[in-house]
Protein backbone atom coordinates (compact mmCIF):
# COMPACT_ATOMS: atom_id res chain seq x y z
CA MET A 1 96.35 -26.63 -61.97
CA ARG A 2 99.01 -28.39 -64.03
CA LYS A 3 99.65 -32.11 -63.54
CA MET A 4 103.06 -32.99 -62.14
CA ALA A 5 105.10 -36.09 -62.97
CA ASP A 6 104.25 -37.57 -59.58
CA ASP A 7 100.50 -36.90 -59.92
CA PRO A 8 98.54 -40.15 -59.44
CA GLU A 9 96.14 -39.05 -62.18
CA ASN A 10 99.08 -39.00 -64.53
CA GLY A 11 99.95 -42.61 -63.66
CA GLU A 12 103.61 -41.82 -62.96
CA GLY A 13 104.00 -42.17 -59.18
CA THR A 14 102.36 -40.87 -56.05
CA ALA A 15 102.56 -37.57 -54.22
CA GLY A 16 103.76 -39.30 -51.04
CA GLN A 17 107.04 -40.42 -52.59
CA GLY A 18 109.03 -37.17 -52.34
CA GLY A 19 107.25 -35.45 -55.21
CA ILE A 20 106.74 -31.74 -55.57
CA ALA A 21 103.31 -30.35 -54.80
CA GLU A 22 102.03 -27.44 -56.82
CA LEU A 23 99.80 -24.83 -55.21
CA ASP A 24 97.37 -22.39 -56.73
CA ILE A 25 98.29 -18.86 -55.62
CA LYS A 26 95.84 -16.03 -56.05
CA GLU A 27 97.02 -13.02 -57.95
CA ALA A 28 98.72 -10.55 -55.59
CA GLY A 29 96.44 -7.78 -54.52
CA SER A 30 93.23 -9.48 -55.55
CA GLY A 31 91.89 -9.92 -52.01
CA PRO A 32 89.75 -7.50 -50.02
CA GLU A 33 92.81 -6.28 -48.09
CA HIS A 34 94.26 -4.76 -51.26
CA HIS A 35 93.86 -1.00 -51.34
CA ALA A 36 93.24 0.94 -54.53
CA SER A 37 96.49 2.87 -54.03
CA GLY A 38 98.54 -0.36 -53.87
CA ARG A 39 100.78 1.19 -51.21
CA ASN A 40 99.68 -0.25 -47.89
CA ILE A 41 102.91 0.15 -45.93
CA ASP A 42 101.19 -0.18 -42.53
CA ALA A 43 101.75 -3.94 -42.55
CA MET A 44 105.53 -3.39 -42.61
CA LEU A 45 105.79 -0.80 -39.84
CA ASN A 46 106.17 -3.40 -37.06
CA VAL A 47 108.80 -5.54 -38.83
CA GLY A 48 111.91 -5.82 -36.65
CA LEU A 49 115.27 -4.96 -38.17
CA GLN A 50 118.72 -5.71 -36.80
CA VAL A 51 120.45 -2.47 -35.73
CA GLN A 52 124.17 -2.55 -34.94
CA ILE A 53 126.43 0.20 -33.64
CA ILE A 54 130.03 -0.43 -34.68
CA LEU A 55 132.56 1.10 -32.30
CA GLY A 56 135.51 -0.17 -34.31
CA ARG A 57 137.13 -3.21 -35.81
CA SER A 58 140.26 -5.24 -35.25
CA ARG A 59 142.00 -8.06 -37.06
CA MET A 60 143.83 -10.66 -35.02
CA PRO A 61 145.44 -14.03 -35.70
CA ILE A 62 143.72 -17.02 -34.11
CA SER A 63 146.71 -17.57 -31.81
CA GLN A 64 146.21 -14.11 -30.29
CA ILE A 65 142.44 -14.61 -29.94
CA LEU A 66 143.03 -17.88 -28.05
CA LYS A 67 145.18 -15.99 -25.52
CA LEU A 68 142.40 -13.50 -24.64
CA THR A 69 141.25 -13.59 -21.03
CA ARG A 70 139.12 -11.43 -18.78
CA GLY A 71 140.73 -8.01 -18.68
CA SER A 72 142.44 -8.34 -22.08
CA ILE A 73 142.35 -5.21 -24.22
CA ILE A 74 141.60 -5.34 -27.94
CA GLU A 75 142.83 -2.34 -29.89
CA LEU A 76 140.28 -0.99 -32.36
CA ASP A 77 140.87 0.90 -35.60
CA LYS A 78 139.13 4.06 -34.29
CA LYS A 79 140.13 6.80 -31.90
CA ILE A 80 138.13 8.36 -29.08
CA GLY A 81 135.86 10.96 -30.65
CA ASP A 82 135.65 9.25 -34.05
CA PRO A 83 132.06 8.69 -35.17
CA VAL A 84 130.55 5.23 -34.73
CA GLU A 85 128.78 3.47 -37.60
CA VAL A 86 125.08 2.60 -37.53
CA LEU A 87 124.22 -0.51 -39.55
CA ILE A 88 120.70 -1.73 -40.25
CA ASN A 89 120.55 -5.29 -41.58
CA ASP A 90 124.32 -5.14 -42.25
CA ARG A 91 124.03 -1.96 -44.35
CA LEU A 92 125.68 1.31 -43.30
CA VAL A 93 122.92 3.91 -42.95
CA ALA A 94 124.34 6.54 -40.58
CA ARG A 95 127.22 7.73 -38.41
CA GLY A 96 126.99 9.30 -35.01
CA ASP A 97 128.58 10.16 -31.68
CA LEU A 98 128.27 8.18 -28.48
CA VAL A 99 126.30 9.93 -25.74
CA LYS A 100 125.78 9.07 -22.09
CA LEU A 101 122.18 8.52 -21.07
CA PRO A 102 120.68 8.44 -17.58
CA GLY A 103 121.33 5.25 -15.66
CA ASP A 104 124.86 4.68 -17.06
CA ARG A 105 123.47 3.79 -20.46
CA LEU A 106 124.94 4.64 -23.85
CA GLY A 107 123.21 5.97 -26.94
CA VAL A 108 124.14 7.29 -30.36
CA GLU A 109 123.38 10.81 -31.54
CA LEU A 110 123.14 10.67 -35.33
CA THR A 111 125.36 13.21 -37.06
CA GLU A 112 125.27 11.95 -40.64
CA ILE A 113 122.81 9.94 -42.72
CA VAL A 114 124.65 7.91 -45.36
CA LYS A 115 122.99 8.06 -48.76
CA ASP A 116 123.82 5.94 -51.79
CA TYR A 117 126.25 3.75 -49.87
CA VAL A 118 128.28 1.50 -52.13
CA PRO A 119 129.77 -1.56 -50.38
CA GLY A 120 133.58 -1.62 -50.42
CA ASN A 121 133.98 2.16 -50.62
CA ASP A 122 134.35 2.79 -46.89
């Protein structure tokens, strides 16, 4: 390990005075959990991602937003029957149609998977 400026062995301060500690990190993949293929994706399969369904958007001045009350209607930029957008971690990945599920629930039936999405081209 390299000596830092606040290393007491270096004679230039102590580690308890806001210095930066340096850690030894083993080379990635050197432990027993590393598989020969190098592609152990199983560890990522339970990672939660944020999924959003965008029904539409609207732009309003602050003065109009402050007047909103219960029962107010906000006009969106989409029409009934237009596909909704499916975003995963704020990235457009698909479009689909709203469907009614049992128990008065809503779902999305995917109709298009968006490939090679370039931000700003929608």
